[in-house]
Structures are given as structure tokens and as C-alpha cells.
Amino acid sequence: MKRLLVLLFFSIFLFSATASAAAQRILALTPHACEMLYAIGAGSQIVGAVSYCDYPAEAKKLPRVGSYVRINTESALRLKPDVAIVREHSVVGIEALKKMGVKIIVSNPVSFETMFDDMRMLGRITGHEAEAEALTARLNMRLQKVRDQQRPGTALFYEVWHDPIITAGGPSFINELIHEAGGRNVFAGINIETPHVNIESVVRANPSLIVIPLEKRNIEERRVFWERWLGGTVHFVAIDPDLMHRPGPRLLDGLELLQQALQEKKDE
């Protein structure tokens, strides 16, 4: 009986210590981290965010403390954070937060595997380890299903931006998405994450599918523009950029939509 009581006391102590050690006041200073935190059940622990943290809907109500490139240190410190999740240390204001005792954690996934690792890491620091493990397991199952359904070969051009024309190069996460979905990125050979390209180089690459993010551009105008250069047989798909550009839980939605577009093109 005495041994049982000791074990029970130790378990309660260990749980309390773990709970108290978990980050309770978090600054989500990158949109993908914001989405990850909500997805693992740690949304209530976020006390501040940057301008593009807009998903899920509750995230829109969070106090804003800056942007991708600059953090308002005074506004951030007023929220009394104990942890800040950032994309990189070079963001203006991060060093000041660190000097004031805020723990800085970098999250910048470059693959599905590192994205899953970061989700688990956020689960550990927030006390939501089980939820993070369950989430990554579900997402990994969806990823494996996409890989199993790959039908490689379709030449794809991804129009990151239109003026000037910017695409996804070999080192980009978008290039990995294209590959995982079964496409062939026509600019994968460029060793730059988001290279500028000209119209002539796109014409020479001769893509049969063009992906245009639904972001501050007229999709019909882009369709007319590229058909003028590539002919009427080129296929188009418009995708919410947040599903493709943010390495968070919704990335699998974007991957599945991309694979569907590729398979529809093959079935024509």
C-alpha cells in the first residue's frame, strides 16, 4: 500500500512538473506554426501572432505583433510570452525578445518529414504530445496514399507570381509537392528556391499543366495570357496558395488537389 501511494504521488508530481514546464503563453510568429498549434489543440496557449496568421477563424482574433520580417518588440512583450515560434532568427525584433527571456524556437520545414518533426516538437513544448502524434499519423497516412497513387510524367509550371514571372525551383517545398503528387516541375533544375524566369523559357519548357495560386491576380487573364503563348491545349488549375505555401496541416489538402489536377490532365 505504501509503495502504491509513493508511485501515485510520483505520478502526480511528474504530471504537474510536465504541465508547468509546458509553454503556456506562445507567440506564433509564422502562419504555419499558428495552424500547427491550433491543429494539436494548443490554440488557447497562443497570445499573439503576425499579420498573416488567419487560419482557423479563431486565429483572426489574436493580437498582432508584427509581420514576417519585423516584430514589434514592445507589443510582443506586453503579452508576457514565454515562447516565440519563428521561421528564422534573422527576423527583426527576435533577438530583443530573446534578450528579455523569451525562448525562441525555429520552425522552417523543408519537407514533409521535417514538417511532421516540427508538429511533434510543438506537441512536446505545449503539453499536447499525444495530439501531435495522432495528427502526424493521420497526415502521414494521407501522404502515403498520395504516393501510392502517383502517375508520374506530367510537365508542370507553377506560377508563384506573374509580374515579374516567378516560379518554384529545385530547392523549394513546392517542387517537392509537385514531385510527390506525380508531376514534373519544368524548372526543377534551377538551384534557386523561387527563380525569376522569362516567357521564352516557359515556352521552351513546354508545360502541359499550369498551376496558378489564387492570390492577387485575375485567373482568367492569366489563362488567356498563357494560352496565347502555349496554345489552347495547356491545362490550368487554380489553388488556394495557403494550401501550397504553408508547411502546416492543410498542406495535404493542397497536395491532394494537385494530384487530382495532374490525374485529370492525364485522363484527357
C-alpha atoms as a PDB file:
ATOM      1  CA  MET A   1       0.000   0.000   0.000  1.00  0.00           C
ATOM      2  CA  LYS A   2       2.822   2.373   0.957  1.00  0.00           C
ATOM      3  CA  ARG A   3       4.604   1.607  -2.311  1.00  0.00           C
ATOM      4  CA  LEU A   4       1.389   2.273  -4.254  1.00  0.00           C
ATOM      5  CA  LEU A   5       0.972   5.662  -2.542  1.00  0.00           C
ATOM      6  CA  VAL A   6       4.583   6.575  -3.356  1.00  0.00           C
ATOM      7  CA  LEU A   7       4.056   5.678  -7.010  1.00  0.00           C
ATOM      8  CA  LEU A   8       0.802   7.652  -7.109  1.00  0.00           C
ATOM      9  CA  PHE A   9       2.485  10.699  -5.542  1.00  0.00           C
ATOM     10  CA  PHE A  10       5.376  10.460  -8.008  1.00  0.00           C
ATOM     11  CA  SER A  11       2.977  10.230 -10.963  1.00  0.00           C
ATOM     12  CA  ILE A  12       1.053  13.312  -9.800  1.00  0.00           C
ATOM     13  CA  PHE A  13       4.305  15.191  -9.231  1.00  0.00           C
ATOM     14  CA  LEU A  14       5.619  14.205 -12.664  1.00  0.00           C
ATOM     15  CA  PHE A  15       2.376  15.272 -14.356  1.00  0.00           C
ATOM     16  CA  SER A  16       2.378  18.615 -12.524  1.00  0.00           C
ATOM     17  CA  ALA A  17       6.009  19.259 -13.381  1.00  0.00           C
ATOM     18  CA  THR A  18       5.377  18.451 -17.054  1.00  0.00           C
ATOM     19  CA  ALA A  19       2.279  20.657 -17.168  1.00  0.00           C
ATOM     20  CA  SER A  20       4.054  23.571 -15.526  1.00  0.00           C
ATOM     21  CA  ALA A  21       7.031  23.169 -17.886  1.00  0.00           C
ATOM     22  CA  ALA A  22       4.795  23.347 -20.971  1.00  0.00           C
ATOM     23  CA  ALA A  23       4.748  26.655 -22.826  1.00  0.00           C
ATOM     24  CA  GLN A  24       1.590  28.475 -21.754  1.00  0.00           C
ATOM     25  CA  ARG A  25       1.960  31.869 -23.472  1.00  0.00           C
ATOM     26  CA  ILE A  26       3.089  31.471 -27.064  1.00  0.00           C
ATOM     27  CA  LEU A  27       3.779  33.955 -29.839  1.00  0.00           C
ATOM     28  CA  ALA A  28       3.021  32.293 -33.196  1.00  0.00           C
ATOM     29  CA  LEU A  29       5.245  34.400 -35.432  1.00  0.00           C
ATOM     30  CA  THR A  30       4.737  32.405 -38.619  1.00  0.00           C
ATOM     31  CA  PRO A  31       1.374  31.321 -40.111  1.00  0.00           C
ATOM     32  CA  HIS A  32       2.236  27.641 -40.477  1.00  0.00           C
ATOM     33  CA  ALA A  33       3.160  27.403 -36.778  1.00  0.00           C
ATOM     34  CA  CYS A  34      -0.127  29.088 -35.884  1.00  0.00           C
ATOM     35  CA  GLU A  35      -2.031  26.454 -37.866  1.00  0.00           C
ATOM     36  CA  MET A  36       0.002  23.644 -36.316  1.00  0.00           C
ATOM     37  CA  LEU A  37      -0.687  24.873 -32.775  1.00  0.00           C
ATOM     38  CA  TYR A  38      -4.436  25.030 -33.339  1.00  0.00           C
ATOM     39  CA  ALA A  39      -4.402  21.618 -35.026  1.00  0.00           C
ATOM     40  CA  ILE A  40      -2.789  19.939 -31.996  1.00  0.00           C
ATOM     41  CA  GLY A  41      -5.169  21.614 -29.538  1.00  0.00           C
ATOM     42  CA  ALA A  42      -2.796  24.325 -28.286  1.00  0.00           C
ATOM     43  CA  GLY A  43      -4.675  27.287 -29.765  1.00  0.00           C
ATOM     44  CA  SER A  44      -5.678  28.624 -26.360  1.00  0.00           C
ATOM     45  CA  GLN A  45      -1.986  28.977 -25.467  1.00  0.00           C
ATOM     46  CA  ILE A  46      -1.317  31.432 -28.314  1.00  0.00           C
ATOM     47  CA  VAL A  47      -1.291  35.016 -27.024  1.00  0.00           C
ATOM     48  CA  GLY A  48      -0.078  36.822 -30.138  1.00  0.00           C
ATOM     49  CA  ALA A  49       0.576  36.327 -33.841  1.00  0.00           C
ATOM     50  CA  VAL A  50       1.810  38.001 -37.022  1.00  0.00           C
ATOM     51  CA  SER A  51      -0.310  39.566 -39.734  1.00  0.00           C
ATOM     52  CA  TYR A  52      -0.880  36.508 -41.934  1.00  0.00           C
ATOM     53  CA  CYS A  53      -1.942  34.127 -39.156  1.00  0.00           C
ATOM     54  CA  ASP A  54      -5.539  33.815 -40.345  1.00  0.00           C
ATOM     55  CA  TYR A  55      -6.469  30.137 -40.030  1.00  0.00           C
ATOM     56  CA  PRO A  56      -8.533  28.768 -38.370  1.00  0.00           C
ATOM     57  CA  ALA A  57     -11.094  31.534 -37.876  1.00  0.00           C
ATOM     58  CA  GLU A  58     -10.156  31.956 -34.185  1.00  0.00           C
ATOM     59  CA  ALA A  59      -6.652  32.977 -35.241  1.00  0.00           C
ATOM     60  CA  LYS A  60      -8.013  36.187 -36.777  1.00  0.00           C
ATOM     61  CA  LYS A  61      -8.871  37.414 -33.256  1.00  0.00           C
ATOM     62  CA  LEU A  62      -5.307  37.127 -31.941  1.00  0.00           C
ATOM     63  CA  PRO A  63      -3.392  40.328 -31.103  1.00  0.00           C
ATOM     64  CA  ARG A  64      -0.949  41.231 -33.892  1.00  0.00           C
ATOM     65  CA  VAL A  65       2.669  41.898 -33.018  1.00  0.00           C
ATOM     66  CA  GLY A  66       4.271  42.329 -36.430  1.00  0.00           C
ATOM     67  CA  SER A  67       4.889  40.601 -39.741  1.00  0.00           C
ATOM     68  CA  TYR A  68       7.151  38.049 -41.411  1.00  0.00           C
ATOM     69  CA  VAL A  69      10.060  40.466 -41.420  1.00  0.00           C
ATOM     70  CA  ARG A  70       9.658  42.618 -38.314  1.00  0.00           C
ATOM     71  CA  ILE A  71       8.291  42.083 -34.801  1.00  0.00           C
ATOM     72  CA  ASN A  72       7.047  44.965 -32.649  1.00  0.00           C
ATOM     73  CA  THR A  73       9.009  44.070 -29.525  1.00  0.00           C
ATOM     74  CA  GLU A  74       7.040  46.307 -27.169  1.00  0.00           C
ATOM     75  CA  SER A  75       3.687  44.906 -28.277  1.00  0.00           C
ATOM     76  CA  ALA A  76       5.034  41.366 -28.076  1.00  0.00           C
ATOM     77  CA  LEU A  77       6.458  41.749 -24.566  1.00  0.00           C
ATOM     78  CA  ARG A  78       3.224  43.270 -23.250  1.00  0.00           C
ATOM     79  CA  LEU A  79       1.641  39.874 -23.909  1.00  0.00           C
ATOM     80  CA  LYS A  80       4.116  38.273 -21.455  1.00  0.00           C
ATOM     81  CA  PRO A  81       5.125  35.362 -23.711  1.00  0.00           C
ATOM     82  CA  ASP A  82       7.348  32.528 -22.556  1.00  0.00           C
ATOM     83  CA  VAL A  83       7.942  31.109 -26.069  1.00  0.00           C
ATOM     84  CA  ALA A  84       8.048  32.524 -29.596  1.00  0.00           C
ATOM     85  CA  ILE A  85       7.818  30.268 -32.661  1.00  0.00           C
ATOM     86  CA  VAL A  86       9.649  31.887 -35.572  1.00  0.00           C
ATOM     87  CA  ARG A  87      10.674  30.947 -39.104  1.00  0.00           C
ATOM     88  CA  GLU A  88      14.216  32.244 -38.678  1.00  0.00           C
ATOM     89  CA  HIS A  89      16.345  34.137 -36.169  1.00  0.00           C
ATOM     90  CA  SER A  90      17.031  36.969 -38.619  1.00  0.00           C
ATOM     91  CA  VAL A  91      13.527  38.482 -38.267  1.00  0.00           C
ATOM     92  CA  VAL A  92      13.916  41.981 -36.815  1.00  0.00           C
ATOM     93  CA  GLY A  93      12.940  42.009 -33.139  1.00  0.00           C
ATOM     94  CA  ILE A  94      13.604  38.337 -32.384  1.00  0.00           C
ATOM     95  CA  GLU A  95      16.981  38.988 -30.765  1.00  0.00           C
ATOM     96  CA  ALA A  96      15.396  41.575 -28.456  1.00  0.00           C
ATOM     97  CA  LEU A  97      12.747  39.053 -27.359  1.00  0.00           C
ATOM     98  CA  LYS A  98      15.479  36.529 -26.651  1.00  0.00           C
ATOM     99  CA  LYS A  99      17.397  39.017 -24.506  1.00  0.00           C
ATOM    100  CA  MET A 100      14.242  39.607 -22.467  1.00  0.00           C
ATOM    101  CA  GLY A 101      13.995  35.914 -21.619  1.00  0.00           C
ATOM    102  CA  VAL A 102      11.561  34.690 -24.277  1.00  0.00           C
ATOM    103  CA  LYS A 103      12.525  31.218 -25.532  1.00  0.00           C
ATOM    104  CA  ILE A 104      12.942  31.274 -29.313  1.00  0.00           C
ATOM    105  CA  ILE A 105      12.054  28.156 -31.305  1.00  0.00           C
ATOM    106  CA  VAL A 106      12.681  27.993 -35.053  1.00  0.00           C
ATOM    107  CA  SER A 107      10.244  26.142 -37.318  1.00  0.00           C
ATOM    108  CA  ASN A 108      11.034  26.175 -41.031  1.00  0.00           C
ATOM    109  CA  PRO A 109      10.113  22.785 -42.517  1.00  0.00           C
ATOM    110  CA  VAL A 110      11.655  21.925 -45.885  1.00  0.00           C
ATOM    111  CA  SER A 111       9.989  18.523 -46.375  1.00  0.00           C
ATOM    112  CA  PHE A 112       7.016  16.525 -45.148  1.00  0.00           C
ATOM    113  CA  GLU A 113       9.270  14.675 -42.729  1.00  0.00           C
ATOM    114  CA  THR A 114      10.604  17.898 -41.158  1.00  0.00           C
ATOM    115  CA  MET A 115       7.054  19.255 -41.044  1.00  0.00           C
ATOM    116  CA  PHE A 116       5.949  16.205 -39.055  1.00  0.00           C
ATOM    117  CA  ASP A 117       9.004  16.592 -36.801  1.00  0.00           C
ATOM    118  CA  ASP A 118       8.057  20.211 -36.064  1.00  0.00           C
ATOM    119  CA  MET A 119       4.473  19.226 -35.232  1.00  0.00           C
ATOM    120  CA  ARG A 120       5.764  16.692 -32.730  1.00  0.00           C
ATOM    121  CA  MET A 121       8.183  19.262 -31.309  1.00  0.00           C
ATOM    122  CA  LEU A 122       5.338  21.752 -30.798  1.00  0.00           C
ATOM    123  CA  GLY A 123       3.352  18.975 -29.131  1.00  0.00           C
ATOM    124  CA  ARG A 124       6.175  18.383 -26.656  1.00  0.00           C
ATOM    125  CA  ILE A 125       6.675  22.028 -25.709  1.00  0.00           C
ATOM    126  CA  THR A 126       2.950  22.724 -25.302  1.00  0.00           C
ATOM    127  CA  GLY A 127       1.956  19.583 -23.427  1.00  0.00           C
ATOM    128  CA  HIS A 128      -0.027  18.237 -26.416  1.00  0.00           C
ATOM    129  CA  GLU A 129       2.313  15.439 -27.397  1.00  0.00           C
ATOM    130  CA  ALA A 130      -0.393  12.801 -27.844  1.00  0.00           C
ATOM    131  CA  GLU A 131      -2.490  15.089 -30.056  1.00  0.00           C
ATOM    132  CA  ALA A 132       0.556  15.925 -32.184  1.00  0.00           C
ATOM    133  CA  GLU A 133       1.400  12.248 -32.615  1.00  0.00           C
ATOM    134  CA  ALA A 134      -2.177  11.479 -33.646  1.00  0.00           C
ATOM    135  CA  LEU A 135      -2.204  14.368 -36.135  1.00  0.00           C
ATOM    136  CA  THR A 136       1.086  13.403 -37.777  1.00  0.00           C
ATOM    137  CA  ALA A 137      -0.082   9.792 -38.022  1.00  0.00           C
ATOM    138  CA  ARG A 138      -3.256  10.868 -39.868  1.00  0.00           C
ATOM    139  CA  LEU A 139      -1.373  13.210 -42.200  1.00  0.00           C
ATOM    140  CA  ASN A 140       1.280  10.594 -42.907  1.00  0.00           C
ATOM    141  CA  MET A 141      -1.411   8.094 -43.921  1.00  0.00           C
ATOM    142  CA  ARG A 142      -2.777  10.625 -46.409  1.00  0.00           C
ATOM    143  CA  LEU A 143       0.725  11.276 -47.732  1.00  0.00           C
ATOM    144  CA  GLN A 144       1.336   7.563 -48.252  1.00  0.00           C
ATOM    145  CA  LYS A 145      -1.976   7.273 -50.137  1.00  0.00           C
ATOM    146  CA  VAL A 146      -0.909  10.108 -52.480  1.00  0.00           C
ATOM    147  CA  ARG A 147       2.447   8.393 -53.045  1.00  0.00           C
ATOM    148  CA  ASP A 148       0.712   5.106 -53.807  1.00  0.00           C
ATOM    149  CA  GLN A 149      -1.483   6.816 -56.428  1.00  0.00           C
ATOM    150  CA  GLN A 150       1.357   8.626 -58.225  1.00  0.00           C
ATOM    151  CA  ARG A 151       1.235   8.612 -62.020  1.00  0.00           C
ATOM    152  CA  PRO A 152       4.445  10.491 -62.859  1.00  0.00           C
ATOM    153  CA  GLY A 153       5.260  12.363 -66.028  1.00  0.00           C
ATOM    154  CA  THR A 154       3.071  15.462 -66.495  1.00  0.00           C
ATOM    155  CA  ALA A 155       5.188  18.571 -67.140  1.00  0.00           C
ATOM    156  CA  LEU A 156       4.038  21.322 -64.781  1.00  0.00           C
ATOM    157  CA  PHE A 157       4.771  25.045 -64.492  1.00  0.00           C
ATOM    158  CA  TYR A 158       3.987  26.666 -61.135  1.00  0.00           C
ATOM    159  CA  GLU A 159       3.400  30.420 -61.408  1.00  0.00           C
ATOM    160  CA  VAL A 160       4.387  31.658 -57.954  1.00  0.00           C
ATOM    161  CA  TRP A 161       3.970  35.225 -59.221  1.00  0.00           C
ATOM    162  CA  HIS A 162       3.121  36.825 -62.553  1.00  0.00           C
ATOM    163  CA  ASP A 163       4.797  40.258 -62.674  1.00  0.00           C
ATOM    164  CA  PRO A 164       7.668  39.530 -62.806  1.00  0.00           C
ATOM    165  CA  ILE A 165       7.227  35.842 -63.526  1.00  0.00           C
ATOM    166  CA  ILE A 166       8.488  33.800 -60.574  1.00  0.00           C
ATOM    167  CA  THR A 167       8.343  30.032 -60.295  1.00  0.00           C
ATOM    168  CA  ALA A 168       9.415  27.229 -57.962  1.00  0.00           C
ATOM    169  CA  GLY A 169      12.971  25.927 -58.342  1.00  0.00           C
ATOM    170  CA  GLY A 170      14.580  22.698 -57.226  1.00  0.00           C
ATOM    171  CA  PRO A 171      15.233  23.574 -53.538  1.00  0.00           C
ATOM    172  CA  SER A 172      11.646  24.721 -52.887  1.00  0.00           C
ATOM    173  CA  PHE A 173       8.995  22.937 -50.872  1.00  0.00           C
ATOM    174  CA  ILE A 174       6.645  23.496 -53.824  1.00  0.00           C
ATOM    175  CA  ASN A 175       8.979  21.433 -56.002  1.00  0.00           C
ATOM    176  CA  GLU A 176       8.675  18.578 -53.507  1.00  0.00           C
ATOM    177  CA  LEU A 177       4.871  18.888 -53.583  1.00  0.00           C
ATOM    178  CA  ILE A 178       4.881  18.664 -57.375  1.00  0.00           C
ATOM    179  CA  HIS A 179       7.102  15.578 -57.245  1.00  0.00           C
ATOM    180  CA  GLU A 180       5.025  13.898 -54.506  1.00  0.00           C
ATOM    181  CA  ALA A 181       1.814  14.499 -56.486  1.00  0.00           C
ATOM    182  CA  GLY A 182       3.351  12.838 -59.548  1.00  0.00           C
ATOM    183  CA  GLY A 183       4.193  15.919 -61.608  1.00  0.00           C
ATOM    184  CA  ARG A 184       7.452  17.016 -63.222  1.00  0.00           C
ATOM    185  CA  ASN A 185       8.403  20.570 -62.342  1.00  0.00           C
ATOM    186  CA  VAL A 186       9.796  22.044 -65.574  1.00  0.00           C
ATOM    187  CA  PHE A 187      12.134  24.298 -63.568  1.00  0.00           C
ATOM    188  CA  ALA A 188      13.322  21.750 -61.008  1.00  0.00           C
ATOM    189  CA  GLY A 189      16.816  22.042 -62.471  1.00  0.00           C
ATOM    190  CA  ILE A 190      17.229  25.626 -61.259  1.00  0.00           C
ATOM    191  CA  ASN A 191      19.064  25.605 -57.923  1.00  0.00           C
ATOM    192  CA  ILE A 192      17.157  28.620 -56.554  1.00  0.00           C
ATOM    193  CA  GLU A 193      14.055  28.389 -54.381  1.00  0.00           C
ATOM    194  CA  THR A 194      11.966  30.960 -56.288  1.00  0.00           C
ATOM    195  CA  PRO A 195      13.754  31.956 -59.512  1.00  0.00           C
ATOM    196  CA  HIS A 196      12.674  34.636 -61.980  1.00  0.00           C
ATOM    197  CA  VAL A 197      12.004  33.205 -65.447  1.00  0.00           C
ATOM    198  CA  ASN A 198      11.010  34.792 -68.746  1.00  0.00           C
ATOM    199  CA  ILE A 199       8.192  33.882 -71.100  1.00  0.00           C
ATOM    200  CA  GLU A 200      10.532  32.321 -73.627  1.00  0.00           C
ATOM    201  CA  SER A 201      11.951  29.870 -71.068  1.00  0.00           C
ATOM    202  CA  VAL A 202       8.431  28.759 -70.104  1.00  0.00           C
ATOM    203  CA  VAL A 203       7.564  28.246 -73.782  1.00  0.00           C
ATOM    204  CA  ARG A 204      10.738  26.178 -74.286  1.00  0.00           C
ATOM    205  CA  ALA A 205       9.895  24.068 -71.212  1.00  0.00           C
ATOM    206  CA  ASN A 206       6.505  23.304 -72.848  1.00  0.00           C
ATOM    207  CA  PRO A 207       4.412  22.515 -69.734  1.00  0.00           C
ATOM    208  CA  SER A 208       1.093  20.769 -70.213  1.00  0.00           C
ATOM    209  CA  LEU A 209      -0.280  21.937 -66.829  1.00  0.00           C
ATOM    210  CA  ILE A 210      -0.002  25.382 -65.249  1.00  0.00           C
ATOM    211  CA  VAL A 211      -0.792  25.944 -61.576  1.00  0.00           C
ATOM    212  CA  ILE A 212      -1.845  29.470 -60.648  1.00  0.00           C
ATOM    213  CA  PRO A 213      -2.287  30.358 -56.957  1.00  0.00           C
ATOM    214  CA  LEU A 214      -5.485  32.263 -56.157  1.00  0.00           C
ATOM    215  CA  GLU A 215      -3.570  35.282 -54.903  1.00  0.00           C
ATOM    216  CA  LYS A 216      -3.985  38.899 -56.068  1.00  0.00           C
ATOM    217  CA  ARG A 217      -4.339  38.144 -59.753  1.00  0.00           C
ATOM    218  CA  ASN A 218      -7.070  37.605 -62.307  1.00  0.00           C
ATOM    219  CA  ILE A 219      -7.070  33.887 -63.074  1.00  0.00           C
ATOM    220  CA  GLU A 220      -8.952  34.268 -66.357  1.00  0.00           C
ATOM    221  CA  GLU A 221      -6.459  36.877 -67.551  1.00  0.00           C
ATOM    222  CA  ARG A 222      -3.575  34.524 -66.719  1.00  0.00           C
ATOM    223  CA  ARG A 223      -5.305  31.725 -68.582  1.00  0.00           C
ATOM    224  CA  VAL A 224      -5.708  33.893 -71.711  1.00  0.00           C
ATOM    225  CA  PHE A 225      -2.100  35.076 -71.400  1.00  0.00           C
ATOM    226  CA  TRP A 226      -0.578  31.589 -71.275  1.00  0.00           C
ATOM    227  CA  GLU A 227      -2.889  30.146 -73.942  1.00  0.00           C
ATOM    228  CA  ARG A 228      -1.643  32.876 -76.256  1.00  0.00           C
ATOM    229  CA  TRP A 229       1.926  31.663 -75.722  1.00  0.00           C
ATOM    230  CA  LEU A 230       1.447  27.916 -75.214  1.00  0.00           C
ATOM    231  CA  GLY A 231      -1.667  27.141 -77.209  1.00  0.00           C
ATOM    232  CA  GLY A 232      -5.151  26.030 -76.275  1.00  0.00           C
ATOM    233  CA  THR A 233      -4.193  22.520 -75.160  1.00  0.00           C
ATOM    234  CA  VAL A 234      -2.457  23.647 -71.966  1.00  0.00           C
ATOM    235  CA  HIS A 235      -4.442  22.763 -68.843  1.00  0.00           C
ATOM    236  CA  PHE A 236      -4.892  25.116 -65.859  1.00  0.00           C
ATOM    237  CA  VAL A 237      -5.631  24.673 -62.167  1.00  0.00           C
ATOM    238  CA  ALA A 238      -6.106  27.424 -59.585  1.00  0.00           C
ATOM    239  CA  ILE A 239      -5.302  26.529 -55.969  1.00  0.00           C
ATOM    240  CA  ASP A 240      -5.529  28.442 -52.688  1.00  0.00           C
ATOM    241  CA  PRO A 241      -1.877  29.403 -52.066  1.00  0.00           C
ATOM    242  CA  ASP A 242      -2.222  28.799 -48.332  1.00  0.00           C
ATOM    243  CA  LEU A 243      -2.660  25.099 -49.130  1.00  0.00           C
ATOM    244  CA  MET A 244       0.607  25.056 -51.054  1.00  0.00           C
ATOM    245  CA  HIS A 245       2.857  27.667 -49.465  1.00  0.00           C
ATOM    246  CA  ARG A 246       2.360  26.950 -45.747  1.00  0.00           C
ATOM    247  CA  PRO A 247       4.070  23.799 -44.431  1.00  0.00           C
ATOM    248  CA  GLY A 248       1.268  23.020 -41.993  1.00  0.00           C
ATOM    249  CA  PRO A 249      -1.641  20.570 -41.620  1.00  0.00           C
ATOM    250  CA  ARG A 250      -3.507  21.854 -44.703  1.00  0.00           C
ATOM    251  CA  LEU A 251      -0.554  21.074 -46.962  1.00  0.00           C
ATOM    252  CA  LEU A 252      -2.048  17.626 -47.526  1.00  0.00           C
ATOM    253  CA  ASP A 253      -5.221  19.294 -48.857  1.00  0.00           C
ATOM    254  CA  GLY A 254      -3.114  21.145 -51.414  1.00  0.00           C
ATOM    255  CA  LEU A 255      -1.159  18.012 -52.327  1.00  0.00           C
ATOM    256  CA  GLU A 256      -4.351  16.021 -52.919  1.00  0.00           C
ATOM    257  CA  LEU A 257      -5.841  18.804 -55.082  1.00  0.00           C
ATOM    258  CA  LEU A 258      -2.631  18.982 -57.098  1.00  0.00           C
ATOM    259  CA  GLN A 259      -2.595  15.230 -57.660  1.00  0.00           C
ATOM    260  CA  GLN A 260      -6.252  15.336 -58.742  1.00  0.00           C
ATOM    261  CA  ALA A 261      -5.435  18.039 -61.327  1.00  0.00           C
ATOM    262  CA  LEU A 262      -2.491  16.018 -62.630  1.00  0.00           C
ATOM    263  CA  GLN A 263      -4.579  12.868 -62.972  1.00  0.00           C
ATOM    264  CA  GLU A 264      -7.384  14.749 -64.743  1.00  0.00           C
ATOM    265  CA  LYS A 265      -4.819  16.048 -67.228  1.00  0.00           C
ATOM    266  CA  LYS A 266      -3.540  12.506 -67.861  1.00  0.00           C
ATOM    267  CA  ASP A 267      -7.093  11.232 -68.334  1.00  0.00           C
ATOM    268  CA  GLU A 268      -7.904  13.789 -71.074  1.00  0.00           C
END
